[in-house]
């Protein structure tokens, strides 16, 4: 099995400083692991609407970006 690859978009938090990667792709099977995705915007601020639905939508949007 080859080495995994790590994806850490620059607009996301500095996850590597706290020992995890935003996205890890394990090859050859192409398993995808995501971690640390929350409802933060591109300025790393929590979305203004504190509702669970809004935060969930933003977290899922962040996963799509990654």
PDB file of N, CA and C in Angstrom:
ATOM      1  N   UNK A   1       0.850  -1.184   0.000  1.00  0.00           N
ATOM      2  CA  UNK A   1       0.000   0.000   0.000  1.00  0.00           C
ATOM      3  C   UNK A   1       0.889   1.238   0.000  1.00  0.00           C
ATOM      4  N   UNK A   2       0.560   2.223  -0.820  1.00  0.00           N
ATOM      5  CA  UNK A   2       1.329   3.454  -0.902  1.00  0.00           C
ATOM      6  C   UNK A   2       1.095   4.360   0.289  1.00  0.00           C
ATOM      7  N   UNK A   3       1.801   5.447   0.296  1.00  0.00           N
ATOM      8  CA  UNK A   3       1.661   6.427   1.363  1.00  0.00           C
ATOM      9  C   UNK A   3       0.400   7.257   1.158  1.00  0.00           C
ATOM     10  N   UNK A   4      -0.264   7.646   2.233  1.00  0.00           N
ATOM     11  CA  UNK A   4      -1.456   8.497   2.091  1.00  0.00           C
ATOM     12  C   UNK A   4      -1.060   9.902   1.658  1.00  0.00           C
ATOM     13  N   UNK A   5      -1.996  10.611   1.069  1.00  0.00           N
ATOM     14  CA  UNK A   5      -1.772  12.019   0.737  1.00  0.00           C
ATOM     15  C   UNK A   5      -2.661  12.865   1.642  1.00  0.00           C
ATOM     16  N   UNK A   6      -2.205  14.080   1.900  1.00  0.00           N
ATOM     17  CA  UNK A   6      -2.895  14.970   2.836  1.00  0.00           C
ATOM     18  C   UNK A   6      -3.307  16.239   2.116  1.00  0.00           C
ATOM     19  N   UNK A   7      -4.521  16.698   2.387  1.00  0.00           N
ATOM     20  CA  UNK A   7      -5.043  17.923   1.773  1.00  0.00           C
ATOM     21  C   UNK A   7      -5.415  18.881   2.897  1.00  0.00           C
ATOM     22  N   UNK A   8      -4.823  20.065   2.866  1.00  0.00           N
ATOM     23  CA  UNK A   8      -5.090  21.087   3.879  1.00  0.00           C
ATOM     24  C   UNK A   8      -5.220  22.449   3.196  1.00  0.00           C
ATOM     25  N   UNK A   9      -6.431  22.784   2.719  1.00  0.00           N
ATOM     26  CA  UNK A   9      -6.626  24.060   2.035  1.00  0.00           C
ATOM     27  C   UNK A   9      -6.181  25.237   2.904  1.00  0.00           C
ATOM     28  N   UNK A  10      -5.567  26.250   2.316  1.00  0.00           N
ATOM     29  CA  UNK A  10      -5.043  27.380   3.092  1.00  0.00           C
ATOM     30  C   UNK A  10      -6.117  28.194   3.806  1.00  0.00           C
ATOM     31  N   UNK A  11      -7.369  28.107   3.366  1.00  0.00           N
ATOM     32  CA  UNK A  11      -8.428  28.863   4.035  1.00  0.00           C
ATOM     33  C   UNK A  11      -8.978  28.152   5.258  1.00  0.00           C
ATOM     34  N   UNK A  12      -8.505  26.943   5.527  1.00  0.00           N
ATOM     35  CA  UNK A  12      -8.946  26.193   6.701  1.00  0.00           C
ATOM     36  C   UNK A  12      -7.968  26.399   7.841  1.00  0.00           C
ATOM     37  N   UNK A  13      -8.346  25.950   9.016  1.00  0.00           N
ATOM     38  CA  UNK A  13      -7.495  26.115  10.188  1.00  0.00           C
ATOM     39  C   UNK A  13      -6.174  25.356  10.013  1.00  0.00           C
ATOM     40  N   UNK A  14      -5.179  25.757  10.772  1.00  0.00           N
ATOM     41  CA  UNK A  14      -3.861  25.133  10.722  1.00  0.00           C
ATOM     42  C   UNK A  14      -3.882  23.800  11.458  1.00  0.00           C
ATOM     43  N   UNK A  15      -4.506  22.816  10.876  1.00  0.00           N
ATOM     44  CA  UNK A  15      -4.712  21.537  11.551  1.00  0.00           C
ATOM     45  C   UNK A  15      -3.427  20.761  11.782  1.00  0.00           C
ATOM     46  N   UNK A  16      -2.450  20.929  10.914  1.00  0.00           N
ATOM     47  CA  UNK A  16      -1.212  20.170  11.079  1.00  0.00           C
ATOM     48  C   UNK A  16      -0.468  20.556  12.354  1.00  0.00           C
ATOM     49  N   UNK A  17      -0.728  21.749  12.887  1.00  0.00           N
ATOM     50  CA  UNK A  17      -0.074  22.157  14.130  1.00  0.00           C
ATOM     51  C   UNK A  17      -0.650  21.432  15.336  1.00  0.00           C
ATOM     52  N   UNK A  18      -1.822  20.831  15.177  1.00  0.00           N
ATOM     53  CA  UNK A  18      -2.429  20.066  16.271  1.00  0.00           C
ATOM     54  C   UNK A  18      -2.596  18.591  15.898  1.00  0.00           C
ATOM     55  N   UNK A  19      -1.753  18.129  14.995  1.00  0.00           N
ATOM     56  CA  UNK A  19      -1.580  16.701  14.691  1.00  0.00           C
ATOM     57  C   UNK A  19      -2.693  16.021  13.901  1.00  0.00           C
ATOM     58  N   UNK A  20      -3.385  16.741  13.054  1.00  0.00           N
ATOM     59  CA  UNK A  20      -4.296  16.058  12.131  1.00  0.00           C
ATOM     60  C   UNK A  20      -4.353  16.809  10.822  1.00  0.00           C
ATOM     61  N   UNK A  21      -4.817  16.147   9.799  1.00  0.00           N
ATOM     62  CA  UNK A  21      -4.968  16.727   8.479  1.00  0.00           C
ATOM     63  C   UNK A  21      -6.452  16.905   8.196  1.00  0.00           C
ATOM     64  N   UNK A  22      -6.807  17.958   7.464  1.00  0.00           N
ATOM     65  CA  UNK A  22      -8.213  18.189   7.123  1.00  0.00           C
ATOM     66  C   UNK A  22      -8.776  17.032   6.304  1.00  0.00           C
ATOM     67  N   UNK A  23      -7.992  16.563   5.343  1.00  0.00           N
ATOM     68  CA  UNK A  23      -8.409  15.444   4.496  1.00  0.00           C
ATOM     69  C   UNK A  23      -7.203  14.528   4.298  1.00  0.00           C
ATOM     70  N   UNK A  24      -7.430  13.231   4.444  1.00  0.00           N
ATOM     71  CA  UNK A  24      -6.394  12.238   4.170  1.00  0.00           C
ATOM     72  C   UNK A  24      -6.957  11.261   3.159  1.00  0.00           C
ATOM     73  N   UNK A  25      -6.190  11.020   2.103  1.00  0.00           N
ATOM     74  CA  UNK A  25      -6.599  10.065   1.074  1.00  0.00           C
ATOM     75  C   UNK A  25      -5.661   8.872   1.162  1.00  0.00           C
ATOM     76  N   UNK A  26      -6.228   7.697   1.452  1.00  0.00           N
ATOM     77  CA  UNK A  26      -5.442   6.471   1.550  1.00  0.00           C
ATOM     78  C   UNK A  26      -5.544   5.722   0.233  1.00  0.00           C
ATOM     79  N   UNK A  27      -4.427   5.451  -0.379  1.00  0.00           N
ATOM     80  CA  UNK A  27      -4.389   4.752  -1.659  1.00  0.00           C
ATOM     81  C   UNK A  27      -3.909   3.331  -1.424  1.00  0.00           C
ATOM     82  N   UNK A  28      -4.145   2.383  -2.265  1.00  0.00           N
ATOM     83  CA  UNK A  28      -4.723   2.469  -3.594  1.00  0.00           C
ATOM     84  C   UNK A  28      -6.247   2.424  -3.606  1.00  0.00           C
ATOM     85  N   UNK A  29      -6.862   2.172  -2.482  1.00  0.00           N
ATOM     86  CA  UNK A  29      -8.319   2.049  -2.452  1.00  0.00           C
ATOM     87  C   UNK A  29      -9.042   3.379  -2.500  1.00  0.00           C
ATOM     88  N   UNK A  30      -8.306   4.493  -2.344  1.00  0.00           N
ATOM     89  CA  UNK A  30      -8.885   5.828  -2.392  1.00  0.00           C
ATOM     90  C   UNK A  30      -9.899   6.084  -1.278  1.00  0.00           C
ATOM     91  N   UNK A  31      -9.593   5.590  -0.093  1.00  0.00           N
ATOM     92  CA  UNK A  31     -10.430   5.913   1.056  1.00  0.00           C
ATOM     93  C   UNK A  31     -10.190   7.361   1.434  1.00  0.00           C
ATOM     94  N   UNK A  32     -11.245   8.067   1.760  1.00  0.00           N
ATOM     95  CA  UNK A  32     -11.152   9.479   2.096  1.00  0.00           C
ATOM     96  C   UNK A  32     -11.597   9.680   3.539  1.00  0.00           C
ATOM     97  N   UNK A  33     -10.725  10.308   4.338  1.00  0.00           N
ATOM     98  CA  UNK A  33     -11.039  10.596   5.737  1.00  0.00           C
ATOM     99  C   UNK A  33     -11.039  12.102   5.915  1.00  0.00           C
ATOM    100  N   UNK A  34     -12.073  12.641   6.546  1.00  0.00           N
ATOM    101  CA  UNK A  34     -12.133  14.074   6.813  1.00  0.00           C
ATOM    102  C   UNK A  34     -12.164  14.292   8.317  1.00  0.00           C
ATOM    103  N   UNK A  35     -11.638  15.455   8.737  1.00  0.00           N
ATOM    104  CA  UNK A  35     -11.589  15.750  10.175  1.00  0.00           C
ATOM    105  C   UNK A  35     -11.624  17.259  10.391  1.00  0.00           C
ATOM    106  N   UNK A  36     -12.215  17.651  11.481  1.00  0.00           N
ATOM    107  CA  UNK A  36     -12.144  19.047  11.906  1.00  0.00           C
ATOM    108  C   UNK A  36     -12.999  20.025  11.139  1.00  0.00           C
ATOM    109  N   UNK A  37     -13.984  19.564  10.404  1.00  0.00           N
ATOM    110  CA  UNK A  37     -14.806  20.477   9.617  1.00  0.00           C
ATOM    111  C   UNK A  37     -15.962  20.998  10.456  1.00  0.00           C
ATOM    112  N   UNK A  38     -15.990  22.297  10.613  1.00  0.00           N
ATOM    113  CA  UNK A  38     -17.034  22.962  11.399  1.00  0.00           C
ATOM    114  C   UNK A  38     -17.604  24.116  10.584  1.00  0.00           C
ATOM    115  N   UNK A  39     -18.565  24.803  11.148  1.00  0.00           N
ATOM    116  CA  UNK A  39     -19.244  25.893  10.451  1.00  0.00           C
ATOM    117  C   UNK A  39     -18.472  27.203  10.477  1.00  0.00           C
ATOM    118  N   UNK A  40     -17.251  27.201   9.982  1.00  0.00           N
ATOM    119  CA  UNK A  40     -16.452  28.434   9.916  1.00  0.00           C
ATOM    120  C   UNK A  40     -16.401  28.935   8.475  1.00  0.00           C
ATOM    121  N   UNK A  41     -16.371  30.263   8.332  1.00  0.00           N
ATOM    122  CA  UNK A  41     -16.297  30.847   7.000  1.00  0.00           C
ATOM    123  C   UNK A  41     -14.847  30.989   6.556  1.00  0.00           C
ATOM    124  N   UNK A  42     -14.642  31.632   5.399  1.00  0.00           N
ATOM    125  CA  UNK A  42     -13.298  31.778   4.849  1.00  0.00           C
ATOM    126  C   UNK A  42     -12.375  32.650   5.707  1.00  0.00           C
ATOM    127  N   UNK A  43     -12.960  33.408   6.643  1.00  0.00           N
ATOM    128  CA  UNK A  43     -12.167  34.215   7.580  1.00  0.00           C
ATOM    129  C   UNK A  43     -11.927  33.473   8.899  1.00  0.00           C
ATOM    130  N   UNK A  44     -12.289  32.195   8.917  1.00  0.00           N
ATOM    131  CA  UNK A  44     -12.146  31.322  10.088  1.00  0.00           C
ATOM    132  C   UNK A  44     -13.020  31.748  11.263  1.00  0.00           C
ATOM    133  N   UNK A  45     -14.123  32.411  10.947  1.00  0.00           N
ATOM    134  CA  UNK A  45     -15.108  32.824  11.955  1.00  0.00           C
ATOM    135  C   UNK A  45     -16.309  31.898  11.857  1.00  0.00           C
ATOM    136  N   UNK A  46     -16.940  31.634  13.012  1.00  0.00           N
ATOM    137  CA  UNK A  46     -18.163  30.833  12.971  1.00  0.00           C
ATOM    138  C   UNK A  46     -19.224  31.594  12.188  1.00  0.00           C
ATOM    139  N   UNK A  47     -20.048  30.872  11.440  1.00  0.00           N
ATOM    140  CA  UNK A  47     -21.101  31.525  10.672  1.00  0.00           C
ATOM    141  C   UNK A  47     -21.995  32.314  11.624  1.00  0.00           C
ATOM    142  N   UNK A  48     -22.514  33.428  11.140  1.00  0.00           N
ATOM    143  CA  UNK A  48     -23.233  34.356  12.018  1.00  0.00           C
ATOM    144  C   UNK A  48     -24.519  33.781  12.607  1.00  0.00           C
ATOM    145  N   UNK A  49     -25.210  32.956  11.842  1.00  0.00           N
ATOM    146  CA  UNK A  49     -26.430  32.326  12.344  1.00  0.00           C
ATOM    147  C   UNK A  49     -26.011  31.111  13.165  1.00  0.00           C
ATOM    148  N   UNK A  50     -26.296  31.105  14.432  1.00  0.00           N
ATOM    149  CA  UNK A  50     -25.823  30.039  15.324  1.00  0.00           C
ATOM    150  C   UNK A  50     -26.665  28.768  15.261  1.00  0.00           C
ATOM    151  N   UNK A  51     -27.642  28.714  14.362  1.00  0.00           N
ATOM    152  CA  UNK A  51     -28.495  27.525  14.315  1.00  0.00           C
ATOM    153  C   UNK A  51     -27.691  26.305  13.858  1.00  0.00           C
ATOM    154  N   UNK A  52     -28.091  25.157  14.330  1.00  0.00           N
ATOM    155  CA  UNK A  52     -27.429  23.915  13.967  1.00  0.00           C
ATOM    156  C   UNK A  52     -27.482  23.698  12.456  1.00  0.00           C
ATOM    157  N   UNK A  53     -28.615  23.990  11.846  1.00  0.00           N
ATOM    158  CA  UNK A  53     -28.770  23.793  10.405  1.00  0.00           C
ATOM    159  C   UNK A  53     -27.751  24.626   9.626  1.00  0.00           C
ATOM    160  N   UNK A  54     -27.600  25.893   9.972  1.00  0.00           N
ATOM    161  CA  UNK A  54     -26.667  26.772   9.260  1.00  0.00           C
ATOM    162  C   UNK A  54     -25.228  26.304   9.441  1.00  0.00           C
ATOM    163  N   UNK A  55     -24.871  25.918  10.659  1.00  0.00           N
ATOM    164  CA  UNK A  55     -23.517  25.437  10.905  1.00  0.00           C
ATOM    165  C   UNK A  55     -23.247  24.127  10.160  1.00  0.00           C
ATOM    166  N   UNK A  56     -24.245  23.266  10.126  1.00  0.00           N
ATOM    167  CA  UNK A  56     -24.094  22.001   9.407  1.00  0.00           C
ATOM    168  C   UNK A  56     -23.898  22.238   7.916  1.00  0.00           C
ATOM    169  N   UNK A  57     -24.694  23.134   7.344  1.00  0.00           N
ATOM    170  CA  UNK A  57     -24.569  23.435   5.913  1.00  0.00           C
ATOM    171  C   UNK A  57     -23.180  23.973   5.599  1.00  0.00           C
ATOM    172  N   UNK A  58     -22.676  24.872   6.446  1.00  0.00           N
ATOM    173  CA  UNK A  58     -21.359  25.450   6.206  1.00  0.00           C
ATOM    174  C   UNK A  58     -20.268  24.388   6.360  1.00  0.00           C
ATOM    175  N   UNK A  59     -20.399  23.513   7.331  1.00  0.00           N
ATOM    176  CA  UNK A  59     -19.423  22.432   7.511  1.00  0.00           C
ATOM    177  C   UNK A  59     -19.401  21.527   6.274  1.00  0.00           C
ATOM    178  N   UNK A  60     -20.566  21.194   5.734  1.00  0.00           N
ATOM    179  CA  UNK A  60     -20.625  20.369   4.525  1.00  0.00           C
ATOM    180  C   UNK A  60     -20.057  21.112   3.327  1.00  0.00           C
ATOM    181  N   UNK A  61     -20.312  22.418   3.228  1.00  0.00           N
ATOM    182  CA  UNK A  61     -19.708  23.226   2.163  1.00  0.00           C
ATOM    183  C   UNK A  61     -18.182  23.173   2.268  1.00  0.00           C
ATOM    184  N   UNK A  62     -17.660  23.255   3.500  1.00  0.00           N
ATOM    185  CA  UNK A  62     -16.211  23.209   3.703  1.00  0.00           C
ATOM    186  C   UNK A  62     -15.623  21.874   3.257  1.00  0.00           C
ATOM    187  N   UNK A  63     -16.356  20.797   3.476  1.00  0.00           N
ATOM    188  CA  UNK A  63     -15.883  19.482   3.019  1.00  0.00           C
ATOM    189  C   UNK A  63     -15.818  19.459   1.497  1.00  0.00           C
ATOM    190  N   UNK A  64     -16.812  20.052   0.834  1.00  0.00           N
ATOM    191  CA  UNK A  64     -16.795  20.100  -0.624  1.00  0.00           C
ATOM    192  C   UNK A  64     -15.584  20.891  -1.134  1.00  0.00           C
ATOM    193  N   UNK A  65     -15.226  21.972  -0.444  1.00  0.00           N
ATOM    194  CA  UNK A  65     -14.066  22.775  -0.827  1.00  0.00           C
ATOM    195  C   UNK A  65     -12.786  21.948  -0.713  1.00  0.00           C
ATOM    196  N   UNK A  66     -12.704  21.175   0.368  1.00  0.00           N
ATOM    197  CA  UNK A  66     -11.498  20.366   0.588  1.00  0.00           C
ATOM    198  C   UNK A  66     -11.367  19.322  -0.502  1.00  0.00           C
TER     199      UNK A  66
END
